[in-house]
Amino acid sequence: MRSAAGEAQVFLAGRTPATLGKIAAELGGAAEAFVVDALDEDAVGAFTDQVAERAGAIDVSFNAIGVQDVQKPLMEITAEEFARRSRPPPARSSSPPGPPSST
């Protein structure tokens, strides 16, 4: 990771400040960290605006959230597609299978 920061401006976004801070420190002075909830469209928009303002353009974007089975360029994925693919699956019931109770 250190060599990447030496040749590029690196902007990190995530939910955990401590983790972001640790990674930014490892990358050195060219890395900036932002606390961003990837499911908050306004927060993501503000983050990308800040990055574009500082860097002039975003050349590479990488995300590691959820299951991304939408096969198209990042800028063509709708907010609805992103959110649908990024949310965890519903919790399974701990009750054994069977007919619903009649109360």
PDB file of N, CA and C in Angstrom:
ATOM      1  N   MET A   1       0.812  -1.196   0.000  1.00  0.00           N
ATOM      2  CA  MET A   1       0.000   0.000   0.000  1.00  0.00           C
ATOM      3  C   MET A   1       0.856   1.261   0.000  1.00  0.00           C
ATOM      4  N   ARG A   2       1.994   1.204   0.588  1.00  0.00           N
ATOM      5  CA  ARG A   2       2.816   2.412   0.673  1.00  0.00           C
ATOM      6  C   ARG A   2       3.228   2.937  -0.692  1.00  0.00           C
ATOM      7  N   SER A   3       3.524   2.062  -1.634  1.00  0.00           N
ATOM      8  CA  SER A   3       3.941   2.531  -2.944  1.00  0.00           C
ATOM      9  C   SER A   3       2.791   3.206  -3.688  1.00  0.00           C
ATOM     10  N   ALA A   4       1.556   2.760  -3.451  1.00  0.00           N
ATOM     11  CA  ALA A   4       0.414   3.377  -4.113  1.00  0.00           C
ATOM     12  C   ALA A   4       0.274   4.835  -3.707  1.00  0.00           C
ATOM     13  N   ALA A   5       0.453   5.131  -2.434  1.00  0.00           N
ATOM     14  CA  ALA A   5       0.304   6.501  -1.959  1.00  0.00           C
ATOM     15  C   ALA A   5       1.436   7.380  -2.468  1.00  0.00           C
ATOM     16  N   GLY A   6       2.604   6.799  -2.736  1.00  0.00           N
ATOM     17  CA  GLY A   6       3.729   7.574  -3.223  1.00  0.00           C
ATOM     18  C   GLY A   6       3.530   8.090  -4.633  1.00  0.00           C
ATOM     19  N   GLU A   7       2.640   7.477  -5.389  1.00  0.00           N
ATOM     20  CA  GLU A   7       2.440   7.839  -6.782  1.00  0.00           C
ATOM     21  C   GLU A   7       1.061   8.417  -7.070  1.00  0.00           C
ATOM     22  N   ALA A   8       0.195   8.469  -6.106  1.00  0.00           N
ATOM     23  CA  ALA A   8      -1.174   8.899  -6.359  1.00  0.00           C
ATOM     24  C   ALA A   8      -1.762   9.559  -5.127  1.00  0.00           C
ATOM     25  N   GLN A   9      -2.796  10.355  -5.367  1.00  0.00           N
ATOM     26  CA  GLN A   9      -3.598  10.836  -4.249  1.00  0.00           C
ATOM     27  C   GLN A   9      -4.569   9.705  -3.929  1.00  0.00           C
ATOM     28  N   VAL A  10      -4.680   9.371  -2.668  1.00  0.00           N
ATOM     29  CA  VAL A  10      -5.557   8.272  -2.258  1.00  0.00           C
ATOM     30  C   VAL A  10      -6.604   8.828  -1.305  1.00  0.00           C
ATOM     31  N   PHE A  11      -7.868   8.533  -1.609  1.00  0.00           N
ATOM     32  CA  PHE A  11      -8.982   8.978  -0.774  1.00  0.00           C
ATOM     33  C   PHE A  11      -9.706   7.736  -0.284  1.00  0.00           C
ATOM     34  N   LEU A  12      -9.768   7.587   1.016  1.00  0.00           N
ATOM     35  CA  LEU A  12     -10.400   6.426   1.633  1.00  0.00           C
ATOM     36  C   LEU A  12     -11.752   6.823   2.202  1.00  0.00           C
ATOM     37  N   ALA A  13     -12.725   5.964   2.057  1.00  0.00           N
ATOM     38  CA  ALA A  13     -14.038   6.192   2.647  1.00  0.00           C
ATOM     39  C   ALA A  13     -14.480   4.910   3.327  1.00  0.00           C
ATOM     40  N   GLY A  14     -15.054   5.053   4.504  1.00  0.00           N
ATOM     41  CA  GLY A  14     -15.555   3.894   5.229  1.00  0.00           C
ATOM     42  C   GLY A  14     -16.304   4.333   6.463  1.00  0.00           C
ATOM     43  N   ARG A  15     -16.826   3.360   7.195  1.00  0.00           N
ATOM     44  CA  ARG A  15     -17.636   3.675   8.374  1.00  0.00           C
ATOM     45  C   ARG A  15     -16.845   3.745   9.661  1.00  0.00           C
ATOM     46  N   THR A  16     -15.628   3.191   9.696  1.00  0.00           N
ATOM     47  CA  THR A  16     -14.906   3.055  10.951  1.00  0.00           C
ATOM     48  C   THR A  16     -13.699   3.979  11.004  1.00  0.00           C
ATOM     49  N   PRO A  17     -13.796   5.068  11.771  1.00  0.00           N
ATOM     50  CA  PRO A  17     -12.703   6.041  11.823  1.00  0.00           C
ATOM     51  C   PRO A  17     -11.349   5.441  12.210  1.00  0.00           C
ATOM     52  N   ALA A  18     -11.327   4.536  13.175  1.00  0.00           N
ATOM     53  CA  ALA A  18     -10.050   3.960  13.616  1.00  0.00           C
ATOM     54  C   ALA A  18      -9.374   3.178  12.486  1.00  0.00           C
ATOM     55  N   THR A  19     -10.151   2.403  11.761  1.00  0.00           N
ATOM     56  CA  THR A  19      -9.599   1.630  10.646  1.00  0.00           C
ATOM     57  C   THR A  19      -9.112   2.555   9.539  1.00  0.00           C
ATOM     58  N   LEU A  20      -9.915   3.554   9.217  1.00  0.00           N
ATOM     59  CA  LEU A  20      -9.515   4.523   8.183  1.00  0.00           C
ATOM     60  C   LEU A  20      -8.228   5.234   8.572  1.00  0.00           C
ATOM     61  N   GLY A  21      -8.143   5.651   9.823  1.00  0.00           N
ATOM     62  CA  GLY A  21      -6.955   6.351  10.302  1.00  0.00           C
ATOM     63  C   GLY A  21      -5.716   5.488  10.212  1.00  0.00           C
ATOM     64  N   LYS A  22      -5.859   4.226  10.566  1.00  0.00           N
ATOM     65  CA  LYS A  22      -4.722   3.298  10.514  1.00  0.00           C
ATOM     66  C   LYS A  22      -4.244   3.119   9.073  1.00  0.00           C
ATOM     67  N   ILE A  23      -5.161   2.916   8.151  1.00  0.00           N
ATOM     68  CA  ILE A  23      -4.788   2.720   6.746  1.00  0.00           C
ATOM     69  C   ILE A  23      -4.182   3.996   6.172  1.00  0.00           C
ATOM     70  N   ALA A  24      -4.785   5.140   6.469  1.00  0.00           N
ATOM     71  CA  ALA A  24      -4.250   6.413   5.975  1.00  0.00           C
ATOM     72  C   ALA A  24      -2.836   6.641   6.485  1.00  0.00           C
ATOM     73  N   ALA A  25      -2.581   6.305   7.743  1.00  0.00           N
ATOM     74  CA  ALA A  25      -1.240   6.471   8.314  1.00  0.00           C
ATOM     75  C   ALA A  25      -0.231   5.566   7.605  1.00  0.00           C
ATOM     76  N   GLU A  26      -0.645   4.345   7.292  1.00  0.00           N
ATOM     77  CA  GLU A  26       0.236   3.423   6.580  1.00  0.00           C
ATOM     78  C   GLU A  26       0.561   3.931   5.181  1.00  0.00           C
ATOM     79  N   LEU A  27      -0.407   4.591   4.559  1.00  0.00           N
ATOM     80  CA  LEU A  27      -0.206   5.084   3.192  1.00  0.00           C
ATOM     81  C   LEU A  27       0.625   6.367   3.156  1.00  0.00           C
ATOM     82  N   GLY A  28       0.644   7.105   4.235  1.00  0.00           N
ATOM     83  CA  GLY A  28       1.450   8.321   4.275  1.00  0.00           C
ATOM     84  C   GLY A  28       0.666   9.561   3.890  1.00  0.00           C
ATOM     85  N   GLY A  29       1.403  10.619   3.608  1.00  0.00           N
ATOM     86  CA  GLY A  29       0.830  11.949   3.410  1.00  0.00           C
ATOM     87  C   GLY A  29      -0.128  12.115   2.258  1.00  0.00           C
ATOM     88  N   ALA A  30      -0.088  11.250   1.262  1.00  0.00           N
ATOM     89  CA  ALA A  30      -0.967  11.418   0.103  1.00  0.00           C
ATOM     90  C   ALA A  30      -2.361  10.843   0.340  1.00  0.00           C
ATOM     91  N   ALA A  31      -2.601  10.226   1.487  1.00  0.00           N
ATOM     92  CA  ALA A  31      -3.889   9.590   1.758  1.00  0.00           C
ATOM     93  C   ALA A  31      -4.748  10.451   2.672  1.00  0.00           C
ATOM     94  N   GLU A  32      -6.009  10.587   2.306  1.00  0.00           N
ATOM     95  CA  GLU A  32      -6.992  11.293   3.136  1.00  0.00           C
ATOM     96  C   GLU A  32      -8.133  10.330   3.437  1.00  0.00           C
ATOM     97  N   ALA A  33      -8.634  10.351   4.659  1.00  0.00           N
ATOM     98  CA  ALA A  33      -9.708   9.451   5.073  1.00  0.00           C
ATOM     99  C   ALA A  33     -10.980  10.243   5.364  1.00  0.00           C
ATOM    100  N   PHE A  34     -12.104   9.692   4.958  1.00  0.00           N
ATOM    101  CA  PHE A  34     -13.416  10.298   5.173  1.00  0.00           C
ATOM    102  C   PHE A  34     -14.356   9.235   5.733  1.00  0.00           C
ATOM    103  N   VAL A  35     -15.077   9.573   6.793  1.00  0.00           N
ATOM    104  CA  VAL A  35     -16.083   8.653   7.325  1.00  0.00           C
ATOM    105  C   VAL A  35     -17.341   8.836   6.481  1.00  0.00           C
ATOM    106  N   VAL A  36     -17.737   7.754   5.798  1.00  0.00           N
ATOM    107  CA  VAL A  36     -18.866   7.802   4.866  1.00  0.00           C
ATOM    108  C   VAL A  36     -19.643   6.497   4.968  1.00  0.00           C
ATOM    109  N   ASP A  37     -20.954   6.592   5.076  1.00  0.00           N
ATOM    110  CA  ASP A  37     -21.818   5.415   5.011  1.00  0.00           C
ATOM    111  C   ASP A  37     -22.183   5.216   3.544  1.00  0.00           C
ATOM    112  N   ALA A  38     -21.734   4.140   2.957  1.00  0.00           N
ATOM    113  CA  ALA A  38     -21.938   3.902   1.525  1.00  0.00           C
ATOM    114  C   ALA A  38     -23.402   3.750   1.134  1.00  0.00           C
ATOM    115  N   LEU A  39     -24.292   3.527   2.095  1.00  0.00           N
ATOM    116  CA  LEU A  39     -25.713   3.433   1.787  1.00  0.00           C
ATOM    117  C   LEU A  39     -26.429   4.772   1.921  1.00  0.00           C
ATOM    118  N   ASP A  40     -25.695   5.823   2.262  1.00  0.00           N
ATOM    119  CA  ASP A  40     -26.249   7.171   2.361  1.00  0.00           C
ATOM    120  C   ASP A  40     -25.858   7.918   1.085  1.00  0.00           C
ATOM    121  N   GLU A  41     -26.800   7.999   0.156  1.00  0.00           N
ATOM    122  CA  GLU A  41     -26.512   8.574  -1.162  1.00  0.00           C
ATOM    123  C   GLU A  41     -25.972  10.007  -1.065  1.00  0.00           C
ATOM    124  N   ASP A  42     -26.522  10.801  -0.153  1.00  0.00           N
ATOM    125  CA  ASP A  42     -26.049  12.178   0.001  1.00  0.00           C
ATOM    126  C   ASP A  42     -24.610  12.218   0.510  1.00  0.00           C
ATOM    127  N   ALA A  43     -24.287  11.336   1.447  1.00  0.00           N
ATOM    128  CA  ALA A  43     -22.922  11.283   1.992  1.00  0.00           C
ATOM    129  C   ALA A  43     -21.925  10.853   0.920  1.00  0.00           C
ATOM    130  N   VAL A  44     -22.307   9.883   0.110  1.00  0.00           N
ATOM    131  CA  VAL A  44     -21.428   9.429  -0.972  1.00  0.00           C
ATOM    132  C   VAL A  44     -21.242  10.550  -2.000  1.00  0.00           C
ATOM    133  N   GLY A  45     -22.317  11.252  -2.306  1.00  0.00           N
ATOM    134  CA  GLY A  45     -22.226  12.377  -3.238  1.00  0.00           C
ATOM    135  C   GLY A  45     -21.304  13.466  -2.724  1.00  0.00           C
ATOM    136  N   ALA A  46     -21.418  13.781  -1.435  1.00  0.00           N
ATOM    137  CA  ALA A  46     -20.548  14.800  -0.839  1.00  0.00           C
ATOM    138  C   ALA A  46     -19.090  14.342  -0.867  1.00  0.00           C
ATOM    139  N   PHE A  47     -18.851  13.064  -0.588  1.00  0.00           N
ATOM    140  CA  PHE A  47     -17.493  12.519  -0.630  1.00  0.00           C
ATOM    141  C   PHE A  47     -16.908  12.637  -2.042  1.00  0.00           C
ATOM    142  N   THR A  48     -17.656  12.199  -3.052  1.00  0.00           N
ATOM    143  CA  THR A  48     -17.123  12.253  -4.418  1.00  0.00           C
ATOM    144  C   THR A  48     -16.915  13.691  -4.871  1.00  0.00           C
ATOM    145  N   ASP A  49     -17.781  14.602  -4.441  1.00  0.00           N
ATOM    146  CA  ASP A  49     -17.580  16.022  -4.765  1.00  0.00           C
ATOM    147  C   ASP A  49     -16.281  16.536  -4.152  1.00  0.00           C
ATOM    148  N   GLN A  50     -16.019  16.183  -2.896  1.00  0.00           N
ATOM    149  CA  GLN A  50     -14.784  16.614  -2.227  1.00  0.00           C
ATOM    150  C   GLN A  50     -13.554  16.040  -2.911  1.00  0.00           C
ATOM    151  N   VAL A  51     -13.631  14.774  -3.303  1.00  0.00           N
ATOM    152  CA  VAL A  51     -12.497  14.144  -3.992  1.00  0.00           C
ATOM    153  C   VAL A  51     -12.255  14.825  -5.328  1.00  0.00           C
ATOM    154  N   ALA A  52     -13.310  15.050  -6.085  1.00  0.00           N
ATOM    155  CA  ALA A  52     -13.161  15.700  -7.388  1.00  0.00           C
ATOM    156  C   ALA A  52     -12.597  17.108  -7.238  1.00  0.00           C
ATOM    157  N   GLU A  53     -13.019  17.822  -6.197  1.00  0.00           N
ATOM    158  CA  GLU A  53     -12.511  19.179  -5.956  1.00  0.00           C
ATOM    159  C   GLU A  53     -11.013  19.147  -5.630  1.00  0.00           C
ATOM    160  N   ARG A  54     -10.599  18.191  -4.825  1.00  0.00           N
ATOM    161  CA  ARG A  54      -9.185  18.105  -4.428  1.00  0.00           C
ATOM    162  C   ARG A  54      -8.299  17.540  -5.537  1.00  0.00           C
ATOM    163  N   ALA A  55      -8.809  16.535  -6.252  1.00  0.00           N
ATOM    164  CA  ALA A  55      -7.972  15.824  -7.217  1.00  0.00           C
ATOM    165  C   ALA A  55      -8.213  16.247  -8.662  1.00  0.00           C
ATOM    166  N   GLY A  56      -9.333  16.893  -8.926  1.00  0.00           N
ATOM    167  CA  GLY A  56      -9.646  17.285 -10.291  1.00  0.00           C
ATOM    168  C   GLY A  56     -10.416  16.214 -11.056  1.00  0.00           C
ATOM    169  N   ALA A  57     -10.192  14.969 -10.742  1.00  0.00           N
ATOM    170  CA  ALA A  57     -10.889  13.858 -11.401  1.00  0.00           C
ATOM    171  C   ALA A  57     -10.681  12.598 -10.568  1.00  0.00           C
ATOM    172  N   ILE A  58     -11.549  11.641 -10.767  1.00  0.00           N
ATOM    173  CA  ILE A  58     -11.390  10.337 -10.126  1.00  0.00           C
ATOM    174  C   ILE A  58     -10.992   9.368 -11.231  1.00  0.00           C
ATOM    175  N   ASP A  59      -9.766   8.880 -11.166  1.00  0.00           N
ATOM    176  CA  ASP A  59      -9.262   7.976 -12.198  1.00  0.00           C
ATOM    177  C   ASP A  59      -9.611   6.519 -11.926  1.00  0.00           C
ATOM    178  N   VAL A  60      -9.603   6.126 -10.658  1.00  0.00           N
ATOM    179  CA  VAL A  60      -9.893   4.744 -10.289  1.00  0.00           C
ATOM    180  C   VAL A  60     -10.771   4.751  -9.054  1.00  0.00           C
ATOM    181  N   SER A  61     -11.783   3.906  -9.071  1.00  0.00           N
ATOM    182  CA  SER A  61     -12.657   3.768  -7.913  1.00  0.00           C
ATOM    183  C   SER A  61     -12.787   2.288  -7.589  1.00  0.00           C
ATOM    184  N   PHE A  62     -12.678   1.968  -6.317  1.00  0.00           N
ATOM    185  CA  PHE A  62     -12.806   0.588  -5.862  1.00  0.00           C
ATOM    186  C   PHE A  62     -13.718   0.580  -4.658  1.00  0.00           C
ATOM    187  N   ASN A  63     -14.664  -0.348  -4.640  1.00  0.00           N
ATOM    188  CA  ASN A  63     -15.479  -0.486  -3.445  1.00  0.00           C
ATOM    189  C   ASN A  63     -15.554  -1.953  -3.074  1.00  0.00           C
ATOM    190  N   ALA A  64     -15.720  -2.180  -1.801  1.00  0.00           N
ATOM    191  CA  ALA A  64     -15.806  -3.545  -1.296  1.00  0.00           C
ATOM    192  C   ALA A  64     -16.988  -3.643  -0.345  1.00  0.00           C
ATOM    193  N   ILE A  65     -18.142  -3.290  -0.835  1.00  0.00           N
ATOM    194  CA  ILE A  65     -19.341  -3.343  -0.017  1.00  0.00           C
ATOM    195  C   ILE A  65     -20.342  -4.289  -0.674  1.00  0.00           C
ATOM    196  N   GLY A  66     -20.891  -5.164   0.119  1.00  0.00           N
ATOM    197  CA  GLY A  66     -21.965  -6.026  -0.336  1.00  0.00           C
ATOM    198  C   GLY A  66     -21.589  -6.970  -1.452  1.00  0.00           C
ATOM    199  N   VAL A  67     -22.598  -7.523  -2.063  1.00  0.00           N
ATOM    200  CA  VAL A  67     -22.443  -8.447  -3.175  1.00  0.00           C
ATOM    201  C   VAL A  67     -22.796  -7.687  -4.434  1.00  0.00           C
ATOM    202  N   GLN A  68     -21.824  -7.447  -5.250  1.00  0.00           N
ATOM    203  CA  GLN A  68     -22.051  -6.663  -6.460  1.00  0.00           C
ATOM    204  C   GLN A  68     -22.174  -7.581  -7.669  1.00  0.00           C
ATOM    205  N   ASP A  69     -23.397  -7.979  -7.991  1.00  0.00           N
ATOM    206  CA  ASP A  69     -23.584  -8.821  -9.163  1.00  0.00           C
ATOM    207  C   ASP A  69     -24.129  -8.031 -10.345  1.00  0.00           C
ATOM    208  N   VAL A  70     -24.179  -6.708 -10.200  1.00  0.00           N
ATOM    209  CA  VAL A  70     -24.585  -5.850 -11.306  1.00  0.00           C
ATOM    210  C   VAL A  70     -23.346  -5.635 -12.163  1.00  0.00           C
ATOM    211  N   GLN A  71     -23.381  -6.122 -13.386  1.00  0.00           N
ATOM    212  CA  GLN A  71     -22.212  -6.069 -14.258  1.00  0.00           C
ATOM    213  C   GLN A  71     -22.326  -4.909 -15.239  1.00  0.00           C
ATOM    214  N   LYS A  72     -21.988  -3.720 -14.763  1.00  0.00           N
ATOM    215  CA  LYS A  72     -21.936  -2.550 -15.630  1.00  0.00           C
ATOM    216  C   LYS A  72     -21.035  -1.521 -14.986  1.00  0.00           C
ATOM    217  N   PRO A  73     -20.617  -0.518 -15.729  1.00  0.00           N
ATOM    218  CA  PRO A  73     -19.716   0.491 -15.161  1.00  0.00           C
ATOM    219  C   PRO A  73     -20.312   1.160 -13.925  1.00  0.00           C
ATOM    220  N   LEU A  74     -19.434   1.499 -12.977  1.00  0.00           N
ATOM    221  CA  LEU A  74     -19.849   2.085 -11.703  1.00  0.00           C
ATOM    222  C   LEU A  74     -20.792   3.263 -11.893  1.00  0.00           C
ATOM    223  N   MET A  75     -20.484   4.155 -12.798  1.00  0.00           N
ATOM    224  CA  MET A  75     -21.296   5.366 -12.958  1.00  0.00           C
ATOM    225  C   MET A  75     -22.662   5.084 -13.573  1.00  0.00           C
ATOM    226  N   GLU A  76     -22.887   3.863 -14.056  1.00  0.00           N
ATOM    227  CA  GLU A  76     -24.189   3.494 -14.608  1.00  0.00           C
ATOM    228  C   GLU A  76     -25.060   2.732 -13.618  1.00  0.00           C
ATOM    229  N   ILE A  77     -24.501   2.361 -12.465  1.00  0.00           N
ATOM    230  CA  ILE A  77     -25.285   1.658 -11.452  1.00  0.00           C
ATOM    231  C   ILE A  77     -26.164   2.677 -10.736  1.00  0.00           C
ATOM    232  N   THR A  78     -27.457   2.398 -10.688  1.00  0.00           N
ATOM    233  CA  THR A  78     -28.365   3.329 -10.017  1.00  0.00           C
ATOM    234  C   THR A  78     -28.220   3.197  -8.502  1.00  0.00           C
ATOM    235  N   ALA A  79     -28.647   4.228  -7.798  1.00  0.00           N
ATOM    236  CA  ALA A  79     -28.606   4.198  -6.336  1.00  0.00           C
ATOM    237  C   ALA A  79     -29.447   3.036  -5.814  1.00  0.00           C
ATOM    238  N   GLU A  80     -30.574   2.763  -6.460  1.00  0.00           N
ATOM    239  CA  GLU A  80     -31.439   1.654  -6.035  1.00  0.00           C
ATOM    240  C   GLU A  80     -30.734   0.307  -6.210  1.00  0.00           C
ATOM    241  N   GLU A  81     -30.044   0.111  -7.349  1.00  0.00           N
ATOM    242  CA  GLU A  81     -29.306  -1.139  -7.569  1.00  0.00           C
ATOM    243  C   GLU A  81     -28.198  -1.298  -6.531  1.00  0.00           C
ATOM    244  N   PHE A  82     -27.491  -0.223  -6.273  1.00  0.00           N
ATOM    245  CA  PHE A  82     -26.395  -0.276  -5.310  1.00  0.00           C
ATOM    246  C   PHE A  82     -26.907  -0.629  -3.925  1.00  0.00           C
ATOM    247  N   ALA A  83     -27.955   0.054  -3.487  1.00  0.00           N
ATOM    248  CA  ALA A  83     -28.514  -0.193  -2.153  1.00  0.00           C
ATOM    249  C   ALA A  83     -29.053  -1.612  -2.044  1.00  0.00           C
ATOM    250  N   ARG A  84     -29.757  -2.081  -3.074  1.00  0.00           N
ATOM    251  CA  ARG A  84     -30.342  -3.427  -3.044  1.00  0.00           C
ATOM    252  C   ARG A  84     -29.245  -4.482  -2.918  1.00  0.00           C
ATOM    253  N   ARG A  85     -28.122  -4.282  -3.575  1.00  0.00           N
ATOM    254  CA  ARG A  85     -27.037  -5.258  -3.566  1.00  0.00           C
ATOM    255  C   ARG A  85     -26.129  -5.105  -2.357  1.00  0.00           C
ATOM    256  N   SER A  86     -26.223  -4.001  -1.643  1.00  0.00           N
ATOM    257  CA  SER A  86     -25.297  -3.725  -0.548  1.00  0.00           C
ATOM    258  C   SER A  86     -25.861  -4.015   0.827  1.00  0.00           C
ATOM    259  N   ARG A  87     -27.158  -4.154   0.924  1.00  0.00           N
ATOM    260  CA  ARG A  87     -27.763  -4.434   2.232  1.00  0.00           C
ATOM    261  C   ARG A  87     -27.584  -5.908   2.585  1.00  0.00           C
ATOM    262  N   PRO A  88     -27.399  -6.204   3.870  1.00  0.00           N
ATOM    263  CA  PRO A  88     -27.294  -7.611   4.266  1.00  0.00           C
ATOM    264  C   PRO A  88     -28.628  -8.308   4.057  1.00  0.00           C
ATOM    265  N   PRO A  89     -28.599  -9.635   3.860  1.00  0.00           N
ATOM    266  CA  PRO A  89     -29.859 -10.365   3.696  1.00  0.00           C
ATOM    267  C   PRO A  89     -30.675 -10.314   4.979  1.00  0.00           C
ATOM    268  N   PRO A  90     -31.991 -10.490   4.884  1.00  0.00           N
ATOM    269  CA  PRO A  90     -32.820 -10.476   6.095  1.00  0.00           C
ATOM    270  C   PRO A  90     -32.373 -11.572   7.055  1.00  0.00           C
ATOM    271  N   ALA A  91     -32.505 -11.295   8.332  1.00  0.00           N
ATOM    272  CA  ALA A  91     -32.126 -12.273   9.356  1.00  0.00           C
ATOM    273  C   ALA A  91     -33.046 -13.474   9.276  1.00  0.00           C
ATOM    274  N   ARG A  92     -32.459 -14.639   9.471  1.00  0.00           N
ATOM    275  CA  ARG A  92     -33.259 -15.855   9.484  1.00  0.00           C
ATOM    276  C   ARG A  92     -33.892 -16.030  10.853  1.00  0.00           C
ATOM    277  N   SER A  93     -35.049 -16.583  10.862  1.00  0.00           N
ATOM    278  CA  SER A  93     -35.739 -16.859  12.113  1.00  0.00           C
ATOM    279  C   SER A  93     -35.066 -18.017  12.825  1.00  0.00           C
ATOM    280  N   SER A  94     -34.978 -17.919  14.128  1.00  0.00           N
ATOM    281  CA  SER A  94     -34.395 -19.024  14.900  1.00  0.00           C
ATOM    282  C   SER A  94     -35.448 -20.063  15.234  1.00  0.00           C
ATOM    283  N   SER A  95     -36.704 -19.815  14.856  1.00  0.00           N
ATOM    284  CA  SER A  95     -37.776 -20.778  15.112  1.00  0.00           C
ATOM    285  C   SER A  95     -37.673 -21.941  14.136  1.00  0.00           C
ATOM    286  N   PRO A  96     -38.029 -23.140  14.582  1.00  0.00           N
ATOM    287  CA  PRO A  96     -38.023 -24.267  13.648  1.00  0.00           C
ATOM    288  C   PRO A  96     -39.111 -24.088  12.605  1.00  0.00           C
ATOM    289  N   PRO A  97     -38.895 -24.647  11.411  1.00  0.00           N
ATOM    290  CA  PRO A  97     -39.932 -24.516  10.383  1.00  0.00           C
ATOM    291  C   PRO A  97     -41.209 -25.225  10.821  1.00  0.00           C
ATOM    292  N   GLY A  98     -42.315 -24.745  10.367  1.00  0.00           N
ATOM    293  CA  GLY A  98     -43.589 -25.372  10.698  1.00  0.00           C
ATOM    294  C   GLY A  98     -44.714 -24.397  10.401  1.00  0.00           C
ATOM    295  N   PRO A  99     -45.916 -24.834  10.658  1.00  0.00           N
ATOM    296  CA  PRO A  99     -47.052 -23.965  10.364  1.00  0.00           C
ATOM    297  C   PRO A  99     -47.060 -22.764  11.320  1.00  0.00           C
ATOM    298  N   PRO A 100     -47.586 -21.648  10.869  1.00  0.00           N
ATOM    299  CA  PRO A 100     -47.669 -20.486  11.750  1.00  0.00           C
ATOM    300  C   PRO A 100     -48.587 -20.783  12.936  1.00  0.00           C
ATOM    301  N   SER A 101     -48.263 -20.182  14.047  1.00  0.00           N
ATOM    302  CA  SER A 101     -49.088 -20.404  15.241  1.00  0.00           C
ATOM    303  C   SER A 101     -50.379 -19.622  15.107  1.00  0.00           C
ATOM    304  N   SER A 102     -51.441 -20.174  15.690  1.00  0.00           N
ATOM    305  CA  SER A 102     -52.732 -19.456  15.662  1.00  0.00           C
ATOM    306  C   SER A 102     -52.971 -18.928  17.063  1.00  0.00           C
ATOM    307  N   THR A 103     -52.883 -17.631  17.183  1.00  0.00           N
ATOM    308  CA  THR A 103     -53.087 -17.018  18.500  1.00  0.00           C
ATOM    309  C   THR A 103     -54.303 -16.167  18.523  1.00  0.00           C
TER     310      THR A 103
END
